[in-house]
Protein backbone atom coordinates (compact mmCIF):
# COMPACT_ATOMS: atom_id res chain seq x y z
CA UNK A 1 -0.07 -0.08 0.14
CA UNK A 2 1.95 3.14 -1.28
CA UNK A 3 -0.12 5.49 -0.61
CA UNK A 4 -0.60 4.47 3.27
CA UNK A 5 3.13 4.18 3.52
CA UNK A 6 3.84 7.39 1.99
CA UNK A 7 1.07 8.95 4.55
CA UNK A 8 3.05 7.50 7.43
CA UNK A 9 6.18 8.71 6.46
CA UNK A 10 4.64 11.89 5.77
CA UNK A 11 2.90 12.10 9.60
CA UNK A 12 6.14 11.09 11.23
CA UNK A 13 7.81 14.79 9.90
CA UNK A 14 8.33 17.15 12.33
CA UNK A 15 5.07 19.52 11.83
CA UNK A 16 7.34 22.55 10.97
CA UNK A 17 8.52 20.84 8.64
CA UNK A 18 5.44 19.47 7.18
CA UNK A 19 4.64 23.13 6.94
CA UNK A 20 7.49 23.82 4.30
CA UNK A 21 6.16 24.43 0.87
CA UNK A 22 7.82 21.45 -0.89
CA UNK A 23 6.13 18.90 2.04
CA UNK A 24 2.75 20.92 1.48
CA UNK A 25 3.10 20.16 -2.54
CA UNK A 26 4.31 16.46 -1.06
CA UNK A 27 0.94 16.29 1.28
CA UNK A 28 -0.94 17.45 -2.20
CA UNK A 29 0.79 14.37 -4.14
CA UNK A 30 0.06 12.04 -1.34
CA UNK A 31 -3.34 13.10 -0.90
CA UNK A 32 -4.04 12.67 -4.92
CA UNK A 33 -2.59 8.85 -4.33
CA UNK A 34 -5.17 8.65 -1.12
CA UNK A 35 -7.83 9.41 -3.97
CA UNK A 36 -8.91 12.74 -2.44
CA UNK A 37 -8.42 14.92 -4.75
CA UNK A 38 -10.63 18.03 -3.22
CA UNK A 39 -8.53 18.07 -0.26
CA UNK A 40 -5.18 17.91 -2.50
CA UNK A 41 -6.86 20.76 -4.29
CA UNK A 42 -7.36 22.67 -1.14
CA UNK A 43 -3.56 22.71 -0.19
CA UNK A 44 -2.94 24.70 -3.79
CA UNK A 45 -6.41 27.64 -2.62
CA UNK A 46 -4.63 27.93 1.10
CA UNK A 47 -1.24 28.52 -0.65
CA UNK A 48 2.12 27.61 -0.43
CA UNK A 49 6.10 28.57 -1.59
CA UNK A 50 8.31 25.78 -2.78
CA UNK A 51 11.52 28.51 -2.21
CA UNK A 52 13.90 26.43 -4.24
CA UNK A 53 12.18 25.65 -7.37
CA UNK A 54 13.63 25.82 -9.90
CA UNK A 55 12.72 28.61 -12.90
CA UNK A 56 10.95 26.35 -15.84
CA UNK A 57 10.19 23.28 -13.59
CA UNK A 58 6.61 22.13 -14.41
CA UNK A 59 6.00 19.98 -10.85
CA UNK A 60 3.35 22.27 -9.55
CA UNK A 61 1.60 22.84 -13.19
CA UNK A 62 1.56 18.78 -13.50
CA UNK A 63 0.37 18.42 -10.25
CA UNK A 64 -2.56 20.91 -10.76
CA UNK A 65 -3.61 19.12 -14.14
CA UNK A 66 -4.18 16.14 -11.90
CA UNK A 67 -6.70 18.18 -10.03
CA UNK A 68 -8.00 20.57 -11.50
CA UNK A 69 -9.06 21.36 -15.91
CA UNK A 70 -8.70 24.99 -14.75
CA UNK A 71 -5.74 27.11 -15.73
CA UNK A 72 -2.91 27.09 -13.18
CA UNK A 73 -3.17 29.95 -11.43
CA UNK A 74 -0.40 32.48 -12.09
CA UNK A 75 0.44 32.73 -8.38
CA UNK A 76 2.17 28.55 -8.98
CA UNK A 77 2.69 29.12 -13.09
CA UNK A 78 6.94 28.94 -12.95
CA UNK A 79 6.99 27.13 -16.56
CA UNK A 80 9.27 29.08 -18.95
CA UNK A 81 7.09 28.28 -22.38
CA UNK A 82 5.25 30.91 -24.54
CA UNK A 83 1.25 31.85 -23.57
CA UNK A 84 -1.08 29.96 -26.15
CA UNK A 85 -2.26 32.17 -28.72
CA UNK A 86 -6.29 31.51 -29.05
């Protein structure tokens, strides 16, 4: 049970560690694996910042696309690609 093991490992983290942006993103991934799509989307709605995310990294957009058909919120859009003209 990989989601269960991931949840157990996540639960052992210190609360201050879980509050860091990278671990908030990890929480969204764990919630997705558990089938908790709305709770995972709430992680984004509540807000977080991954301070060491490299420009052009698409992990936020890839995660968001698994949560919603809506466009990625601008606060999380660090992709380096041109806007679609349409």
